[in-house]
C-alpha atoms as a PDB file:
ATOM      1  CA  MET A   1     -66.325-147.677-148.759  1.00  0.00           C
ATOM      2  CA  SER A   2     -64.037-150.344-150.277  1.00  0.00           C
ATOM      3  CA  ILE A   3     -61.511-152.170-148.184  1.00  0.00           C
ATOM      4  CA  GLN A   4     -58.757-150.593-150.296  1.00  0.00           C
ATOM      5  CA  LYS A   5     -60.038-147.060-149.622  1.00  0.00           C
ATOM      6  CA  THR A   6     -60.432-147.775-145.912  1.00  0.00           C
ATOM      7  CA  LEU A   7     -56.888-149.094-145.667  1.00  0.00           C
ATOM      8  CA  ALA A   8     -55.595-146.114-147.603  1.00  0.00           C
ATOM      9  CA  LYS A   9     -57.396-143.723-145.241  1.00  0.00           C
ATOM     10  CA  LEU A  10     -56.026-145.503-142.165  1.00  0.00           C
ATOM     11  CA  ALA A  11     -52.547-145.432-143.633  1.00  0.00           C
ATOM     12  CA  ALA A  12     -52.850-141.689-144.251  1.00  0.00           C
ATOM     13  CA  VAL A  13     -53.978-141.114-140.675  1.00  0.00           C
ATOM     14  CA  ALA A  14     -51.067-143.207-139.380  1.00  0.00           C
ATOM     15  CA  VAL A  15     -48.566-141.257-141.496  1.00  0.00           C
ATOM     16  CA  ALA A  16     -50.036-137.959-140.322  1.00  0.00           C
ATOM     17  CA  GLY A  17     -49.817-139.129-136.711  1.00  0.00           C
ATOM     18  CA  THR A  18     -46.243-140.246-137.158  1.00  0.00           C
ATOM     19  CA  CYS A  19     -45.307-136.899-138.683  1.00  0.00           C
ATOM     20  CA  ALA A  20     -47.006-135.008-135.863  1.00  0.00           C
ATOM     21  CA  ALA A  21     -45.222-137.116-133.267  1.00  0.00           C
ATOM     22  CA  SER A  22     -41.924-136.561-135.049  1.00  0.00           C
ATOM     23  CA  ILE A  23     -42.472-132.816-135.117  1.00  0.00           C
ATOM     24  CA  ALA A  24     -43.421-132.829-131.417  1.00  0.00           C
ATOM     25  CA  SER A  25     -40.373-134.866-130.450  1.00  0.00           C
ATOM     26  CA  ALA A  26     -38.144-132.501-132.442  1.00  0.00           C
ATOM     27  CA  ALA A  27     -39.630-129.400-130.820  1.00  0.00           C
ATOM     28  CA  GLU A  28     -37.446-127.485-128.387  1.00  0.00           C
ATOM     29  CA  VAL A  29     -38.122-128.472-124.773  1.00  0.00           C
ATOM     30  CA  THR A  30     -38.584-125.582-122.332  1.00  0.00           C
ATOM     31  CA  LEU A  31     -37.758-126.262-118.691  1.00  0.00           C
ATOM     32  CA  LYS A  32     -38.942-123.968-115.899  1.00  0.00           C
ATOM     33  CA  THR A  33     -36.433-123.146-113.172  1.00  0.00           C
ATOM     34  CA  GLN A  34     -36.243-121.052-110.041  1.00  0.00           C
ATOM     35  CA  THR A  35     -33.541-120.110-107.559  1.00  0.00           C
ATOM     36  CA  ALA A  36     -34.183-120.604-103.851  1.00  0.00           C
ATOM     37  CA  LEU A  37     -32.126-117.471-103.223  1.00  0.00           C
ATOM     38  CA  PRO A  38     -33.040-114.030-104.615  1.00  0.00           C
ATOM     39  CA  THR A  39     -31.957-113.792-108.236  1.00  0.00           C
ATOM     40  CA  GLN A  40     -29.662-110.831-107.492  1.00  0.00           C
ATOM     41  CA  HIS A  41     -27.698-112.902-104.949  1.00  0.00           C
ATOM     42  CA  ALA A  42     -24.158-113.691-106.101  1.00  0.00           C
ATOM     43  CA  LEU A  43     -24.851-117.435-105.923  1.00  0.00           C
ATOM     44  CA  SER A  44     -27.950-117.147-108.105  1.00  0.00           C
ATOM     45  CA  GLN A  45     -26.025-114.942-110.497  1.00  0.00           C
ATOM     46  CA  SER A  46     -23.383-117.679-110.817  1.00  0.00           C
ATOM     47  CA  TYR A  47     -26.120-120.173-111.721  1.00  0.00           C
ATOM     48  CA  ILE A  48     -27.549-117.770-114.295  1.00  0.00           C
ATOM     49  CA  LYS A  49     -24.168-116.835-115.786  1.00  0.00           C
ATOM     50  CA  HIS A  50     -22.533-120.248-115.891  1.00  0.00           C
ATOM     51  CA  PHE A  51     -25.487-122.591-116.361  1.00  0.00           C
ATOM     52  CA  ILE A  52     -28.648-120.994-117.723  1.00  0.00           C
ATOM     53  CA  GLU A  53     -27.023-118.704-120.290  1.00  0.00           C
ATOM     54  CA  PRO A  54     -24.549-121.304-121.686  1.00  0.00           C
ATOM     55  CA  LEU A  55     -27.281-123.944-121.750  1.00  0.00           C
ATOM     56  CA  ASN A  56     -29.647-121.761-123.730  1.00  0.00           C
ATOM     57  CA  ALA A  57     -26.849-121.030-126.209  1.00  0.00           C
ATOM     58  CA  ALA A  58     -25.814-124.688-126.573  1.00  0.00           C
ATOM     59  CA  GLY A  59     -29.334-126.084-126.550  1.00  0.00           C
ATOM     60  CA  LYS A  60     -30.938-123.979-129.282  1.00  0.00           C
ATOM     61  CA  GLY A  61     -33.625-126.004-130.991  1.00  0.00           C
ATOM     62  CA  VAL A  62     -33.306-128.826-128.449  1.00  0.00           C
ATOM     63  CA  VAL A  63     -33.681-127.563-124.891  1.00  0.00           C
ATOM     64  CA  LYS A  64     -33.888-124.228-123.105  1.00  0.00           C
ATOM     65  CA  VAL A  65     -34.333-123.076-119.509  1.00  0.00           C
ATOM     66  CA  ASP A  66     -36.801-120.383-118.524  1.00  0.00           C
ATOM     67  CA  LEU A  67     -35.926-118.642-115.240  1.00  0.00           C
ATOM     68  CA  LEU A  68     -39.169-117.847-113.406  1.00  0.00           C
ATOM     69  CA  GLY A  69     -37.485-115.989-110.553  1.00  0.00           C
ATOM     70  CA  GLY A  70     -36.362-116.575-106.973  1.00  0.00           C
ATOM     71  CA  PRO A  71     -38.192-117.334-103.722  1.00  0.00           C
ATOM     72  CA  GLU A  72     -41.049-115.041-104.728  1.00  0.00           C
ATOM     73  CA  VAL A  73     -42.066-117.850-107.119  1.00  0.00           C
ATOM     74  CA  THR A  74     -42.120-120.456-104.352  1.00  0.00           C
ATOM     75  CA  PRO A  75     -40.583-119.851-100.885  1.00  0.00           C
ATOM     76  CA  ALA A  76     -37.307-121.693-100.428  1.00  0.00           C
ATOM     77  CA  ASP A  77     -38.702-124.061 -97.801  1.00  0.00           C
ATOM     78  CA  ARG A  78     -41.418-125.212-100.213  1.00  0.00           C
ATOM     79  CA  ALA A  79     -39.367-125.195-103.411  1.00  0.00           C
ATOM     80  CA  PRO A  80     -38.480-128.939-103.239  1.00  0.00           C
ATOM     81  CA  GLN A  81     -42.193-129.746-103.101  1.00  0.00           C
ATOM     82  CA  ALA A  82     -42.781-127.442-106.081  1.00  0.00           C
ATOM     83  CA  LEU A  83     -40.184-129.492-107.966  1.00  0.00           C
ATOM     84  CA  GLN A  84     -41.946-132.721-107.048  1.00  0.00           C
ATOM     85  CA  ARG A  85     -45.363-131.358-108.084  1.00  0.00           C
ATOM     86  CA  GLY A  86     -44.126-130.143-111.462  1.00  0.00           C
ATOM     87  CA  VAL A  87     -44.566-126.432-110.734  1.00  0.00           C
ATOM     88  CA  ILE A  88     -40.905-126.128-111.736  1.00  0.00           C
ATOM     89  CA  ASP A  89     -38.629-128.530-113.600  1.00  0.00           C
ATOM     90  CA  ILE A  90     -35.226-127.456-112.253  1.00  0.00           C
ATOM     91  CA  LEU A  91     -34.338-126.117-108.819  1.00  0.00           C
ATOM     92  CA  PHE A  92     -31.166-124.288-107.767  1.00  0.00           C
ATOM     93  CA  ILE A  93     -30.888-124.402-103.972  1.00  0.00           C
ATOM     94  CA  PRO A  94     -28.279-124.449-101.189  1.00  0.00           C
ATOM     95  CA  ALA A  95     -27.910-127.998 -99.878  1.00  0.00           C
ATOM     96  CA  ALA A  96     -28.485-126.768 -96.311  1.00  0.00           C
ATOM     97  CA  TYR A  97     -31.983-125.609 -97.286  1.00  0.00           C
ATOM     98  CA  ILE A  98     -33.115-129.164 -97.993  1.00  0.00           C
ATOM     99  CA  SER A  99     -31.509-130.876 -95.006  1.00  0.00           C
ATOM    100  CA  GLY A 100     -34.935-131.196 -93.383  1.00  0.00           C
ATOM    101  CA  VAL A 101     -36.061-133.675 -96.045  1.00  0.00           C
ATOM    102  CA  VAL A 102     -32.594-134.850 -97.095  1.00  0.00           C
ATOM    103  CA  PRO A 103     -30.515-134.950 -93.878  1.00  0.00           C
ATOM    104  CA  GLN A 104     -27.433-136.209 -95.750  1.00  0.00           C
ATOM    105  CA  ALA A 105     -27.357-132.907 -97.664  1.00  0.00           C
ATOM    106  CA  GLN A 106     -26.032-131.104 -94.600  1.00  0.00           C
ATOM    107  CA  SER A 107     -22.748-132.976 -94.971  1.00  0.00           C
ATOM    108  CA  MET A 108     -22.188-131.562 -98.459  1.00  0.00           C
ATOM    109  CA  MET A 109     -20.828-128.299 -97.046  1.00  0.00           C
ATOM    110  CA  LEU A 110     -18.154-130.321 -95.220  1.00  0.00           C
ATOM    111  CA  GLN A 111     -16.483-131.551 -98.405  1.00  0.00           C
ATOM    112  CA  THR A 112     -12.783-130.743 -98.640  1.00  0.00           C
ATOM    113  CA  VAL A 113     -11.774-132.902-101.627  1.00  0.00           C
ATOM    114  CA  GLY A 114     -12.846-130.632-104.514  1.00  0.00           C
ATOM    115  CA  VAL A 115     -15.558-130.926-107.133  1.00  0.00           C
ATOM    116  CA  GLU A 116     -13.580-133.125-109.548  1.00  0.00           C
ATOM    117  CA  ALA A 117     -12.794-135.664-106.836  1.00  0.00           C
ATOM    118  CA  LEU A 118     -16.468-135.736-105.857  1.00  0.00           C
ATOM    119  CA  HIS A 119     -17.225-137.164-109.303  1.00  0.00           C
ATOM    120  CA  GLU A 120     -14.259-139.532-109.259  1.00  0.00           C
ATOM    121  CA  ASN A 121     -14.612-141.040-105.781  1.00  0.00           C
ATOM    122  CA  GLY A 122     -18.305-141.892-105.934  1.00  0.00           C
ATOM    123  CA  ALA A 123     -19.599-139.088-103.715  1.00  0.00           C
ATOM    124  CA  PHE A 124     -21.610-137.474-106.504  1.00  0.00           C
ATOM    125  CA  ASP A 125     -23.191-140.797-107.462  1.00  0.00           C
ATOM    126  CA  LEU A 126     -24.044-141.504-103.820  1.00  0.00           C
ATOM    127  CA  PHE A 127     -25.893-138.205-103.522  1.00  0.00           C
ATOM    128  CA  ALA A 128     -27.554-138.817-106.878  1.00  0.00           C
ATOM    129  CA  ASP A 129     -29.109-141.950-105.403  1.00  0.00           C
ATOM    130  CA  ILE A 130     -30.122-140.049-102.267  1.00  0.00           C
ATOM    131  CA  PHE A 131     -31.837-137.228-104.179  1.00  0.00           C
ATOM    132  CA  ASP A 132     -33.556-139.731-106.419  1.00  0.00           C
ATOM    133  CA  ASP A 133     -34.936-141.531-103.381  1.00  0.00           C
ATOM    134  CA  LYS A 134     -35.806-138.532-101.207  1.00  0.00           C
ATOM    135  CA  LEU A 135     -36.977-135.980-103.785  1.00  0.00           C
ATOM    136  CA  ASP A 136     -37.652-138.019-106.924  1.00  0.00           C
ATOM    137  CA  ALA A 137     -35.084-135.801-108.622  1.00  0.00           C
ATOM    138  CA  HIS A 138     -32.054-136.151-110.871  1.00  0.00           C
ATOM    139  CA  PHE A 139     -28.886-134.642-109.371  1.00  0.00           C
ATOM    140  CA  LEU A 140     -27.410-132.469-112.116  1.00  0.00           C
ATOM    141  CA  ALA A 141     -24.768-130.243-110.489  1.00  0.00           C
ATOM    142  CA  TRP A 142     -22.843-129.669-107.242  1.00  0.00           C
ATOM    143  CA  SER A 143     -21.789-126.060-107.611  1.00  0.00           C
ATOM    144  CA  GLU A 144     -20.155-122.991-106.022  1.00  0.00           C
ATOM    145  CA  THR A 145     -17.977-125.139-103.771  1.00  0.00           C
ATOM    146  CA  GLY A 146     -14.270-125.365-103.020  1.00  0.00           C
ATOM    147  CA  PRO A 147     -11.669-122.585-102.623  1.00  0.00           C
ATOM    148  CA  GLY A 148     -13.077-119.116-102.041  1.00  0.00           C
ATOM    149  CA  SER A 149     -16.398-120.497-100.878  1.00  0.00           C
ATOM    150  CA  GLY A 150     -17.574-120.913 -97.327  1.00  0.00           C
ATOM    151  CA  TYR A 151     -19.323-118.964 -94.612  1.00  0.00           C
ATOM    152  CA  TYR A 152     -18.628-116.092 -92.231  1.00  0.00           C
ATOM    153  CA  LEU A 153     -20.403-115.008 -89.095  1.00  0.00           C
ATOM    154  CA  TYR A 154     -21.262-111.300 -89.040  1.00  0.00           C
ATOM    155  CA  THR A 155     -22.283-109.342 -85.952  1.00  0.00           C
ATOM    156  CA  THR A 156     -23.387-105.865 -84.932  1.00  0.00           C
ATOM    157  CA  LYS A 157     -21.669-106.226 -81.531  1.00  0.00           C
ATOM    158  CA  LYS A 158     -18.109-107.244 -80.753  1.00  0.00           C
ATOM    159  CA  PRO A 159     -18.275-110.765 -79.308  1.00  0.00           C
ATOM    160  CA  ALA A 160     -16.334-111.856 -76.261  1.00  0.00           C
ATOM    161  CA  MET A 161     -13.392-114.227 -76.515  1.00  0.00           C
ATOM    162  CA  LYS A 162     -12.964-117.440 -74.538  1.00  0.00           C
ATOM    163  CA  ASP A 163      -9.791-119.513 -74.723  1.00  0.00           C
ATOM    164  CA  GLY A 164      -8.802-117.772 -77.944  1.00  0.00           C
ATOM    165  CA  VAL A 165     -12.147-118.382 -79.693  1.00  0.00           C
ATOM    166  CA  ILE A 166     -15.160-116.089 -79.964  1.00  0.00           C
ATOM    167  CA  ASP A 167     -18.011-116.647 -77.512  1.00  0.00           C
ATOM    168  CA  LEU A 168     -21.503-115.651 -78.642  1.00  0.00           C
ATOM    169  CA  SER A 169     -23.104-115.961 -75.213  1.00  0.00           C
ATOM    170  CA  GLY A 170     -25.903-113.411 -74.825  1.00  0.00           C
ATOM    171  CA  MET A 171     -26.140-112.797 -78.582  1.00  0.00           C
ATOM    172  CA  SER A 172     -29.053-113.719 -80.851  1.00  0.00           C
ATOM    173  CA  MET A 173     -27.998-115.024 -84.261  1.00  0.00           C
ATOM    174  CA  ARG A 174     -30.175-115.600 -87.295  1.00  0.00           C
ATOM    175  CA  THR A 175     -29.746-119.206 -88.287  1.00  0.00           C
ATOM    176  CA  THR A 176     -30.367-121.874 -90.925  1.00  0.00           C
ATOM    177  CA  GLY A 177     -29.210-125.475 -91.127  1.00  0.00           C
ATOM    178  CA  ALA A 178     -25.824-124.209 -92.313  1.00  0.00           C
ATOM    179  CA  TYR A 179     -25.128-122.142 -89.201  1.00  0.00           C
ATOM    180  CA  ARG A 180     -27.068-123.619 -86.290  1.00  0.00           C
ATOM    181  CA  PRO A 181     -24.411-126.186 -85.247  1.00  0.00           C
ATOM    182  CA  ILE A 182     -21.560-123.675 -85.024  1.00  0.00           C
ATOM    183  CA  GLU A 183     -23.730-120.910 -83.526  1.00  0.00           C
ATOM    184  CA  GLU A 184     -25.006-123.219 -80.812  1.00  0.00           C
ATOM    185  CA  ALA A 185     -21.485-124.552 -80.198  1.00  0.00           C
ATOM    186  CA  LEU A 186     -20.403-120.931 -79.635  1.00  0.00           C
ATOM    187  CA  ASN A 187     -23.278-120.434 -77.140  1.00  0.00           C
ATOM    188  CA  ALA A 188     -25.486-118.170 -79.267  1.00  0.00           C
ATOM    189  CA  THR A 189     -29.258-117.991 -79.055  1.00  0.00           C
ATOM    190  CA  THR A 190     -30.484-118.932 -82.537  1.00  0.00           C
ATOM    191  CA  VAL A 191     -33.401-117.277 -84.307  1.00  0.00           C
ATOM    192  CA  GLN A 192     -34.873-118.597 -87.560  1.00  0.00           C
ATOM    193  CA  ILE A 193     -36.156-115.848 -89.856  1.00  0.00           C
ATOM    194  CA  PRO A 194     -36.218-115.573 -93.689  1.00  0.00           C
ATOM    195  CA  SER A 195     -33.105-114.081 -95.280  1.00  0.00           C
ATOM    196  CA  GLY A 196     -35.189-111.182 -96.583  1.00  0.00           C
ATOM    197  CA  ASP A 197     -36.061-110.215 -92.992  1.00  0.00           C
ATOM    198  CA  VAL A 198     -32.436-109.976 -91.826  1.00  0.00           C
ATOM    199  CA  PRO A 199     -32.103-106.171 -92.325  1.00  0.00           C
ATOM    200  CA  THR A 200     -35.295-105.520 -90.349  1.00  0.00           C
ATOM    201  CA  GLY A 201     -34.255-108.026 -87.685  1.00  0.00           C
ATOM    202  CA  LEU A 202     -30.931-106.226 -87.228  1.00  0.00           C
ATOM    203  CA  GLU A 203     -32.572-102.810 -87.163  1.00  0.00           C
ATOM    204  CA  ARG A 204     -35.091-103.863 -84.510  1.00  0.00           C
ATOM    205  CA  GLY A 205     -32.570-105.758 -82.421  1.00  0.00           C
ATOM    206  CA  VAL A 206     -34.273-109.102 -82.925  1.00  0.00           C
ATOM    207  CA  ILE A 207     -30.891-110.490 -83.993  1.00  0.00           C
ATOM    208  CA  ASP A 208     -27.331-109.368 -83.289  1.00  0.00           C
ATOM    209  CA  GLY A 209     -25.829-111.112 -86.273  1.00  0.00           C
ATOM    210  CA  PHE A 210     -26.061-113.910 -88.795  1.00  0.00           C
ATOM    211  CA  GLY A 211     -24.113-116.386 -90.841  1.00  0.00           C
ATOM    212  CA  TRP A 212     -23.652-115.651 -94.541  1.00  0.00           C
ATOM    213  CA  PRO A 213     -21.797-117.126 -97.504  1.00  0.00           C
ATOM    214  CA  THR A 214     -18.403-115.708 -98.383  1.00  0.00           C
ATOM    215  CA  VAL A 215     -20.169-114.113-101.347  1.00  0.00           C
ATOM    216  CA  GLY A 216     -23.411-112.192-101.652  1.00  0.00           C
ATOM    217  CA  LEU A 217     -23.261-109.825 -98.672  1.00  0.00           C
ATOM    218  CA  ALA A 218     -22.859-106.778-100.876  1.00  0.00           C
ATOM    219  CA  SER A 219     -25.200-107.975-103.636  1.00  0.00           C
ATOM    220  CA  ILE A 220     -28.009-108.420-101.125  1.00  0.00           C
ATOM    221  CA  GLY A 221     -27.354-105.031 -99.486  1.00  0.00           C
ATOM    222  CA  LEU A 222     -26.160-106.158 -96.041  1.00  0.00           C
ATOM    223  CA  ALA A 223     -22.624-104.742 -95.962  1.00  0.00           C
ATOM    224  CA  ASN A 224     -23.826-101.549 -94.263  1.00  0.00           C
ATOM    225  CA  SER A 225     -25.853-103.426 -91.644  1.00  0.00           C
ATOM    226  CA  VAL A 226     -23.050-105.114 -89.667  1.00  0.00           C
ATOM    227  CA  LYS A 227     -19.846-104.079 -87.902  1.00  0.00           C
ATOM    228  CA  TYR A 228     -17.791-107.254 -87.575  1.00  0.00           C
ATOM    229  CA  ARG A 229     -16.836-110.216 -89.792  1.00  0.00           C
ATOM    230  CA  ILE A 230     -15.577-113.261 -87.890  1.00  0.00           C
ATOM    231  CA  GLU A 231     -12.617-114.959 -89.574  1.00  0.00           C
ATOM    232  CA  PRO A 232     -11.596-117.491 -90.782  1.00  0.00           C
ATOM    233  CA  SER A 233     -14.434-118.685 -92.970  1.00  0.00           C
ATOM    234  CA  PHE A 234     -15.751-122.162 -92.228  1.00  0.00           C
ATOM    235  CA  TYR A 235     -17.184-125.060 -94.282  1.00  0.00           C
ATOM    236  CA  HIS A 236     -17.581-124.805 -98.051  1.00  0.00           C
ATOM    237  CA  LEU A 237     -20.589-123.649 -99.977  1.00  0.00           C
ATOM    238  CA  ALA A 238     -22.651-126.436-101.484  1.00  0.00           C
ATOM    239  CA  ASN A 239     -25.424-125.648-103.917  1.00  0.00           C
ATOM    240  CA  VAL A 240     -27.282-128.246-105.913  1.00  0.00           C
ATOM    241  CA  VAL A 241     -29.141-128.241-109.205  1.00  0.00           C
ATOM    242  CA  LEU A 242     -31.953-130.773-109.242  1.00  0.00           C
ATOM    243  CA  VAL A 243     -34.160-131.798-112.170  1.00  0.00           C
ATOM    244  CA  SER A 244     -37.464-133.520-111.484  1.00  0.00           C
ATOM    245  CA  ASN A 245     -37.369-137.119-112.683  1.00  0.00           C
ATOM    246  CA  ARG A 246     -40.590-136.461-114.562  1.00  0.00           C
ATOM    247  CA  ALA A 247     -38.869-133.779-116.652  1.00  0.00           C
ATOM    248  CA  TRP A 248     -35.558-135.684-116.928  1.00  0.00           C
ATOM    249  CA  ASP A 249     -37.167-138.915-118.092  1.00  0.00           C
ATOM    250  CA  GLY A 250     -39.274-137.040-120.633  1.00  0.00           C
ATOM    251  CA  MET A 251     -36.279-135.478-122.393  1.00  0.00           C
ATOM    252  CA  SER A 252     -34.409-136.805-125.388  1.00  0.00           C
ATOM    253  CA  ASP A 253     -30.918-138.251-124.996  1.00  0.00           C
ATOM    254  CA  GLU A 254     -29.591-135.200-126.826  1.00  0.00           C
ATOM    255  CA  ALA A 255     -31.242-132.799-124.376  1.00  0.00           C
ATOM    256  CA  ARG A 256     -29.975-134.767-121.379  1.00  0.00           C
ATOM    257  CA  LYS A 257     -26.431-134.727-122.770  1.00  0.00           C
ATOM    258  CA  ILE A 258     -26.553-130.963-123.276  1.00  0.00           C
ATOM    259  CA  LEU A 259     -27.723-130.468-119.693  1.00  0.00           C
ATOM    260  CA  THR A 260     -25.073-132.825-118.298  1.00  0.00           C
ATOM    261  CA  ASP A 261     -22.198-131.333-120.293  1.00  0.00           C
ATOM    262  CA  THR A 262     -23.243-127.788-119.369  1.00  0.00           C
ATOM    263  CA  ALA A 263     -23.555-128.788-115.717  1.00  0.00           C
ATOM    264  CA  ARG A 264     -20.010-130.191-115.603  1.00  0.00           C
ATOM    265  CA  ALA A 265     -18.587-126.991-117.106  1.00  0.00           C
ATOM    266  CA  TYR A 266     -20.722-124.916-114.726  1.00  0.00           C
ATOM    267  CA  GLU A 267     -19.402-126.743-111.665  1.00  0.00           C
ATOM    268  CA  LEU A 268     -15.806-125.887-112.576  1.00  0.00           C
ATOM    269  CA  ALA A 269     -16.538-122.305-113.653  1.00  0.00           C
ATOM    270  CA  SER A 270     -18.460-121.640-110.444  1.00  0.00           C
ATOM    271  CA  VAL A 271     -15.358-122.421-108.340  1.00  0.00           C
ATOM    272  CA  GLN A 272     -13.425-119.521-109.914  1.00  0.00           C
ATOM    273  CA  GLU A 273     -16.546-117.370-109.769  1.00  0.00           C
ATOM    274  CA  MET A 274     -16.623-117.824-105.987  1.00  0.00           C
ATOM    275  CA  ILE A 275     -12.953-116.889-105.640  1.00  0.00           C
ATOM    276  CA  ASP A 276     -13.533-113.684-107.619  1.00  0.00           C
ATOM    277  CA  ARG A 277     -16.804-112.748-105.912  1.00  0.00           C
ATOM    278  CA  ASN A 278     -15.315-113.359-102.442  1.00  0.00           C
ATOM    279  CA  LYS A 279     -12.642-110.762-103.201  1.00  0.00           C
ATOM    280  CA  ASP A 280     -15.358-108.333-104.323  1.00  0.00           C
ATOM    281  CA  ASP A 281     -17.403-108.964-101.189  1.00  0.00           C
ATOM    282  CA  ILE A 282     -14.456-108.418 -98.844  1.00  0.00           C
ATOM    283  CA  ALA A 283     -13.631-105.158-100.634  1.00  0.00           C
ATOM    284  CA  ALA A 284     -17.244-103.961-100.398  1.00  0.00           C
ATOM    285  CA  ALA A 285     -17.434-104.872 -96.708  1.00  0.00           C
ATOM    286  CA  ASP A 286     -14.140-103.127 -95.984  1.00  0.00           C
ATOM    287  CA  LYS A 287     -15.407-100.033 -97.777  1.00  0.00           C
ATOM    288  CA  ALA A 288     -18.564-100.135 -95.646  1.00  0.00           C
ATOM    289  CA  GLY A 289     -16.428-100.188 -92.491  1.00  0.00           C
ATOM    290  CA  VAL A 290     -16.881-103.849 -91.534  1.00  0.00           C
ATOM    291  CA  GLU A 291     -14.029-104.856 -89.209  1.00  0.00           C
ATOM    292  CA  ALA A 292     -12.447-108.300 -89.468  1.00  0.00           C
ATOM    293  CA  LEU A 293     -12.075-110.159 -86.165  1.00  0.00           C
ATOM    294  CA  ALA A 294      -9.562-112.815 -87.092  1.00  0.00           C
ATOM    295  CA  MET A 295      -8.596-115.871 -85.088  1.00  0.00           C
ATOM    296  CA  GLU A 296      -5.199-116.955 -86.359  1.00  0.00           C
ATOM    297  CA  GLY A 297      -2.845-119.867 -85.927  1.00  0.00           C
ATOM    298  CA  ALA A 298      -3.886-122.377 -83.272  1.00  0.00           C
ATOM    299  CA  ASP A 299      -6.924-120.288 -82.323  1.00  0.00           C
ATOM    300  CA  GLY A 300      -8.143-120.316 -85.920  1.00  0.00           C
ATOM    301  CA  GLU A 301      -7.645-124.083 -86.108  1.00  0.00           C
ATOM    302  CA  LYS A 302      -9.579-124.498 -82.863  1.00  0.00           C
ATOM    303  CA  TYR A 303     -12.440-122.394 -84.256  1.00  0.00           C
ATOM    304  CA  LEU A 304     -12.611-124.478 -87.437  1.00  0.00           C
ATOM    305  CA  ALA A 305     -12.476-127.706 -85.430  1.00  0.00           C
ATOM    306  CA  ILE A 306     -15.447-126.509 -83.357  1.00  0.00           C
ATOM    307  CA  ALA A 307     -17.353-125.750 -86.578  1.00  0.00           C
ATOM    308  CA  ASN A 308     -16.558-129.077 -88.258  1.00  0.00           C
ATOM    309  CA  ASP A 309     -17.115-131.234 -85.190  1.00  0.00           C
ATOM    310  CA  ALA A 310     -20.451-129.543 -84.495  1.00  0.00           C
ATOM    311  CA  MET A 311     -21.685-130.126 -88.036  1.00  0.00           C
ATOM    312  CA  TRP A 312     -20.496-133.731 -88.251  1.00  0.00           C
ATOM    313  CA  ALA A 313     -22.186-134.379 -84.902  1.00  0.00           C
ATOM    314  CA  ARG A 314     -25.415-132.966 -86.327  1.00  0.00           C
ATOM    315  CA  VAL A 315     -25.118-135.116 -89.455  1.00  0.00           C
ATOM    316  CA  THR A 316     -24.370-138.223 -87.375  1.00  0.00           C
ATOM    317  CA  ASP A 317     -27.371-137.525 -85.185  1.00  0.00           C
ATOM    318  CA  LYS A 318     -29.586-137.363 -88.282  1.00  0.00           C
ATOM    319  CA  VAL A 319     -28.273-140.268 -90.352  1.00  0.00           C
ATOM    320  CA  GLY A 320     -26.534-142.553 -87.859  1.00  0.00           C
ATOM    321  CA  ASP A 321     -22.895-143.505 -87.245  1.00  0.00           C
ATOM    322  CA  GLU A 322     -22.492-145.901 -90.167  1.00  0.00           C
ATOM    323  CA  GLU A 323     -23.795-143.563 -92.865  1.00  0.00           C
ATOM    324  CA  ALA A 324     -21.966-140.564 -91.386  1.00  0.00           C
ATOM    325  CA  LYS A 325     -18.671-142.496 -91.519  1.00  0.00           C
ATOM    326  CA  LYS A 326     -19.317-143.410 -95.145  1.00  0.00           C
ATOM    327  CA  LEU A 327     -20.070-139.787 -96.035  1.00  0.00           C
ATOM    328  CA  ARG A 328     -17.007-138.531 -94.202  1.00  0.00           C
ATOM    329  CA  SER A 329     -14.767-141.060 -95.954  1.00  0.00           C
ATOM    330  CA  LEU A 330     -15.798-139.570 -99.302  1.00  0.00           C
ATOM    331  CA  LEU A 331     -16.015-135.888 -98.392  1.00  0.00           C
ATOM    332  CA  ASP A 332     -13.296-135.141 -95.855  1.00  0.00           C
ATOM    333  CA  THR A 333      -9.585-135.333 -96.669  1.00  0.00           C
ATOM    334  CA  LYS A 334      -8.871-135.588 -92.925  1.00  0.00           C
ATOM    335  CA  ASN A 335     -11.250-138.510 -92.280  1.00  0.00           C
END
């Protein structure tokens, strides 16, 4: 074969390779996601409605998200590892669920400044660095937080009162990282069981109550299982959307921009979603006969102070005084 023919053949191969690479780079990227909560939960539904669906509409031909399911895909306690291993590309999970591997995440539910301020004052960027270091993940969204979001304690028995505040002495409460500090501060015995086992636990008397977000009680079918809702609500919800760095780094700039823009809109939309769903949940609980036990005025303030102090003490114990003070300066308007 002549040198000219050889060069021509190599050139043709190079052109073909370049075309193939161009086609591959232009192909729509599909990202696998799962929710740590059941997909029918109000929080998961917010993620689906305000992030997945808008993203798939805006990202046509560039990027799409494929929802694999909820904790049946990978149990919530192992979902961060699934993200790291590449089993999934995007994870939607309550911050409290990952506090075992990211202890700073527990402070996220103590934010009182609002989602826009979190981006403006450096808090979001600080947590982005933390998630990058601890989970090798890109922090995409801090969602379902702010007004209308928080947590209630629910019980099957009427708790005693002590100095104007409920006392859970002698009661067993299902717990997670979100509730253990306040439950222990109120003298409860804490029991850790999966959220899906709560109805059975109540029925068998293994637990006398549980903490739950201000949304999702009705959607998960628990409104008929309890008798009392302890008010006021405490903390704020804090859910995070994390993208594995492997997936994030492999995307085009266009795909990353679509994800980022959709995430910012989702964060804001999810705030109103929580306000609306909280109203729905209260109405459903009232219809099911759940009685509100409300601590008002100074007693309510005392209850919230117990909740906040207990959680900040837990965070400080995990991360140290210096880092806890830094977190509090960014998250708490009363710091």
